[in-house]
Structures are given as C-alpha cells and as structure tokens.
N, C-alpha and C. Protein backbone atom coordinates (compact mmCIF):
# COMPACT_ATOMS: atom_id res chain seq x y z
N MET A 1 -33.87 71.87 107.88
CA MET A 1 -33.02 71.82 109.06
C MET A 1 -31.54 71.72 108.68
N PRO A 2 -31.14 70.87 107.73
CA PRO A 2 -29.72 70.80 107.37
C PRO A 2 -29.21 72.14 106.82
N LEU A 3 -30.08 72.89 106.17
CA LEU A 3 -29.67 74.18 105.63
C LEU A 3 -29.28 75.15 106.75
N VAL A 4 -30.00 75.08 107.86
CA VAL A 4 -29.70 75.93 109.01
C VAL A 4 -28.33 75.55 109.58
N LEU A 5 -28.06 74.27 109.68
CA LEU A 5 -26.76 73.83 110.21
C LEU A 5 -25.62 74.23 109.28
N ILE A 6 -25.85 74.11 107.99
CA ILE A 6 -24.81 74.51 107.03
C ILE A 6 -24.56 76.02 107.13
N ALA A 7 -25.62 76.80 107.24
CA ALA A 7 -25.48 78.25 107.35
C ALA A 7 -24.74 78.62 108.65
N ALA A 8 -25.07 77.93 109.74
CA ALA A 8 -24.39 78.20 111.01
C ALA A 8 -22.91 77.83 110.91
N GLY A 9 -22.60 76.74 110.23
CA GLY A 9 -21.21 76.34 110.04
C GLY A 9 -20.43 77.34 109.22
N ILE A 10 -21.06 77.87 108.19
CA ILE A 10 -20.40 78.87 107.35
C ILE A 10 -20.16 80.15 108.14
N LEU A 11 -21.17 80.59 108.91
CA LEU A 11 -20.99 81.80 109.72
C LEU A 11 -19.92 81.60 110.79
N GLY A 12 -19.90 80.45 111.41
CA GLY A 12 -18.88 80.17 112.42
C GLY A 12 -17.49 80.12 111.81
N GLY A 13 -17.38 79.53 110.63
CA GLY A 13 -16.09 79.48 109.94
C GLY A 13 -15.61 80.87 109.55
N ALA A 14 -16.54 81.70 109.09
CA ALA A 14 -16.17 83.07 108.72
C ALA A 14 -15.70 83.85 109.94
N ALA A 15 -16.38 83.65 111.07
CA ALA A 15 -15.98 84.34 112.31
C ALA A 15 -14.59 83.86 112.75
N LEU A 16 -14.34 82.58 112.61
CA LEU A 16 -13.04 82.04 113.00
C LEU A 16 -11.92 82.59 112.11
N VAL A 17 -12.17 82.68 110.81
CA VAL A 17 -11.18 83.24 109.89
C VAL A 17 -10.92 84.70 110.22
N ARG A 18 -11.98 85.45 110.50
CA ARG A 18 -11.82 86.87 110.84
C ARG A 18 -11.00 87.04 112.12
N PHE A 19 -11.27 86.20 113.11
CA PHE A 19 -10.52 86.25 114.36
C PHE A 19 -9.04 85.93 114.12
N ALA A 20 -8.78 84.91 113.29
CA ALA A 20 -7.39 84.52 113.01
C ALA A 20 -6.64 85.63 112.28
N ILE A 21 -7.30 86.30 111.36
CA ILE A 21 -6.66 87.40 110.63
C ILE A 21 -6.33 88.55 111.59
N ARG A 22 -7.29 88.88 112.47
CA ARG A 22 -7.04 89.96 113.43
C ARG A 22 -5.88 89.63 114.36
N GLU A 23 -5.84 88.39 114.85
CA GLU A 23 -4.75 87.97 115.72
C GLU A 23 -3.41 88.00 114.99
N GLY A 24 -3.39 87.57 113.75
CA GLY A 24 -2.15 87.60 112.97
C GLY A 24 -1.64 89.02 112.79
N LYS A 25 -2.54 89.95 112.52
CA LYS A 25 -2.13 91.35 112.37
C LYS A 25 -1.61 91.91 113.69
N ARG A 26 -2.28 91.57 114.80
CA ARG A 26 -1.84 92.06 116.11
C ARG A 26 -0.45 91.53 116.44
N ILE A 27 -0.22 90.25 116.19
CA ILE A 27 1.08 89.65 116.48
C ILE A 27 2.16 90.26 115.60
N ASN A 28 1.86 90.50 114.34
CA ASN A 28 2.83 91.13 113.45
C ASN A 28 3.16 92.55 113.88
N ARG A 29 2.16 93.28 114.39
CA ARG A 29 2.43 94.63 114.91
C ARG A 29 3.38 94.57 116.10
N GLU A 30 3.14 93.62 117.01
CA GLU A 30 4.02 93.48 118.17
C GLU A 30 5.44 93.09 117.75
N LEU A 31 5.56 92.21 116.78
CA LEU A 31 6.88 91.82 116.30
C LEU A 31 7.59 92.98 115.63
N ASP A 32 6.88 93.77 114.84
CA ASP A 32 7.48 94.94 114.20
C ASP A 32 7.97 95.95 115.23
N ASP A 33 7.16 96.16 116.28
CA ASP A 33 7.57 97.08 117.35
C ASP A 33 8.82 96.56 118.05
N ALA A 34 8.89 95.26 118.27
CA ALA A 34 10.06 94.68 118.94
C ALA A 34 11.30 94.79 118.06
N ARG A 35 11.14 94.64 116.75
CA ARG A 35 12.29 94.78 115.85
C ARG A 35 12.79 96.22 115.80
N LYS A 36 11.89 97.17 115.87
CA LYS A 36 12.27 98.59 115.83
C LYS A 36 12.92 99.04 117.13
N ALA A 37 12.65 98.34 118.23
CA ALA A 37 13.16 98.75 119.54
C ALA A 37 14.67 98.63 119.62
N GLY A 38 15.26 97.71 118.90
CA GLY A 38 16.71 97.56 118.93
C GLY A 38 17.14 96.56 119.98
N PRO A 39 18.44 96.28 120.02
CA PRO A 39 18.94 95.28 120.95
C PRO A 39 18.93 95.79 122.39
N VAL A 40 18.85 94.86 123.31
CA VAL A 40 18.87 95.18 124.74
C VAL A 40 20.31 95.05 125.23
N GLU A 41 20.72 95.96 126.07
CA GLU A 41 22.06 95.89 126.65
C GLU A 41 22.12 94.69 127.59
N GLN A 42 23.10 93.82 127.38
CA GLN A 42 23.18 92.62 128.20
C GLN A 42 23.56 92.93 129.64
N ASP A 43 24.23 94.05 129.86
CA ASP A 43 24.61 94.40 131.24
C ASP A 43 23.39 94.76 132.07
N SER A 44 22.31 95.22 131.42
CA SER A 44 21.13 95.63 132.17
C SER A 44 20.24 94.44 132.53
N LEU A 45 20.48 93.27 131.94
CA LEU A 45 19.68 92.10 132.26
C LEU A 45 20.18 91.44 133.53
N PRO A 46 19.26 90.89 134.35
CA PRO A 46 19.72 90.21 135.58
C PRO A 46 20.41 88.90 135.24
N LYS A 47 21.38 88.55 136.05
CA LYS A 47 22.11 87.29 135.87
C LYS A 47 21.29 86.16 136.53
N LEU A 48 21.31 84.99 135.92
CA LEU A 48 20.60 83.85 136.48
C LEU A 48 21.58 82.95 137.22
N ARG A 49 21.18 82.53 138.40
CA ARG A 49 22.00 81.62 139.19
C ARG A 49 21.15 80.37 139.48
N ARG A 50 21.82 79.22 139.49
CA ARG A 50 21.12 77.96 139.75
C ARG A 50 20.93 77.78 141.24
N ASP A 51 19.70 77.50 141.64
CA ASP A 51 19.38 77.22 143.04
C ASP A 51 19.73 75.75 143.30
N PRO A 52 20.69 75.48 144.19
CA PRO A 52 21.10 74.10 144.39
C PRO A 52 20.01 73.23 145.02
N ALA A 53 19.09 73.82 145.76
CA ALA A 53 18.05 73.04 146.41
C ALA A 53 17.00 72.54 145.42
N THR A 54 16.59 73.41 144.50
CA THR A 54 15.51 73.04 143.58
C THR A 54 16.02 72.73 142.18
N GLY A 55 17.18 73.23 141.83
CA GLY A 55 17.71 72.99 140.50
C GLY A 55 17.20 73.98 139.45
N THR A 56 16.38 74.93 139.86
CA THR A 56 15.87 75.92 138.91
C THR A 56 16.77 77.14 138.91
N TYR A 57 16.71 77.90 137.83
CA TYR A 57 17.49 79.12 137.70
C TYR A 57 16.65 80.30 138.15
N ARG A 58 17.25 81.16 138.94
CA ARG A 58 16.57 82.34 139.46
C ARG A 58 17.45 83.56 139.29
N PRO A 59 16.84 84.75 139.15
CA PRO A 59 17.66 85.96 139.08
C PRO A 59 18.39 86.15 140.41
N GLY A 60 19.62 86.60 140.31
CA GLY A 60 20.31 86.81 141.57
C GLY A 60 21.73 87.08 141.47
C-alpha cells in the first residue's frame, strides 16, 4: 500500500512540474510578444480622473 501512495505522489509531482514548465513557456512567449510590440503612444491612452464621490480613478 505505501508503494502505491509513493508512486501516486511521484506521478502527481511530475504532472505538477510539467504544468509549471508549460505555464512558464507560455508566459515567456507573451512577454516576448509584448516586448516586440514596442511602446504605446501615451496620447492614445485614456486619461484617468478621480471620482470625488467614491475616491476611485475612472477613465474620463
């Protein structure tokens, strides 16, 4: 019985490592794409204004 639990733990750990590697590669691809895209023009971004009633910033 303990051998089965050890085997299940090893398989679960391997699956977790595989998932983490895949996620790391996906995130690195997204970051590389964002770096290649270049800077965003600040004039095209909406300006944020503070809402005096709630205190939060909203586009406007």
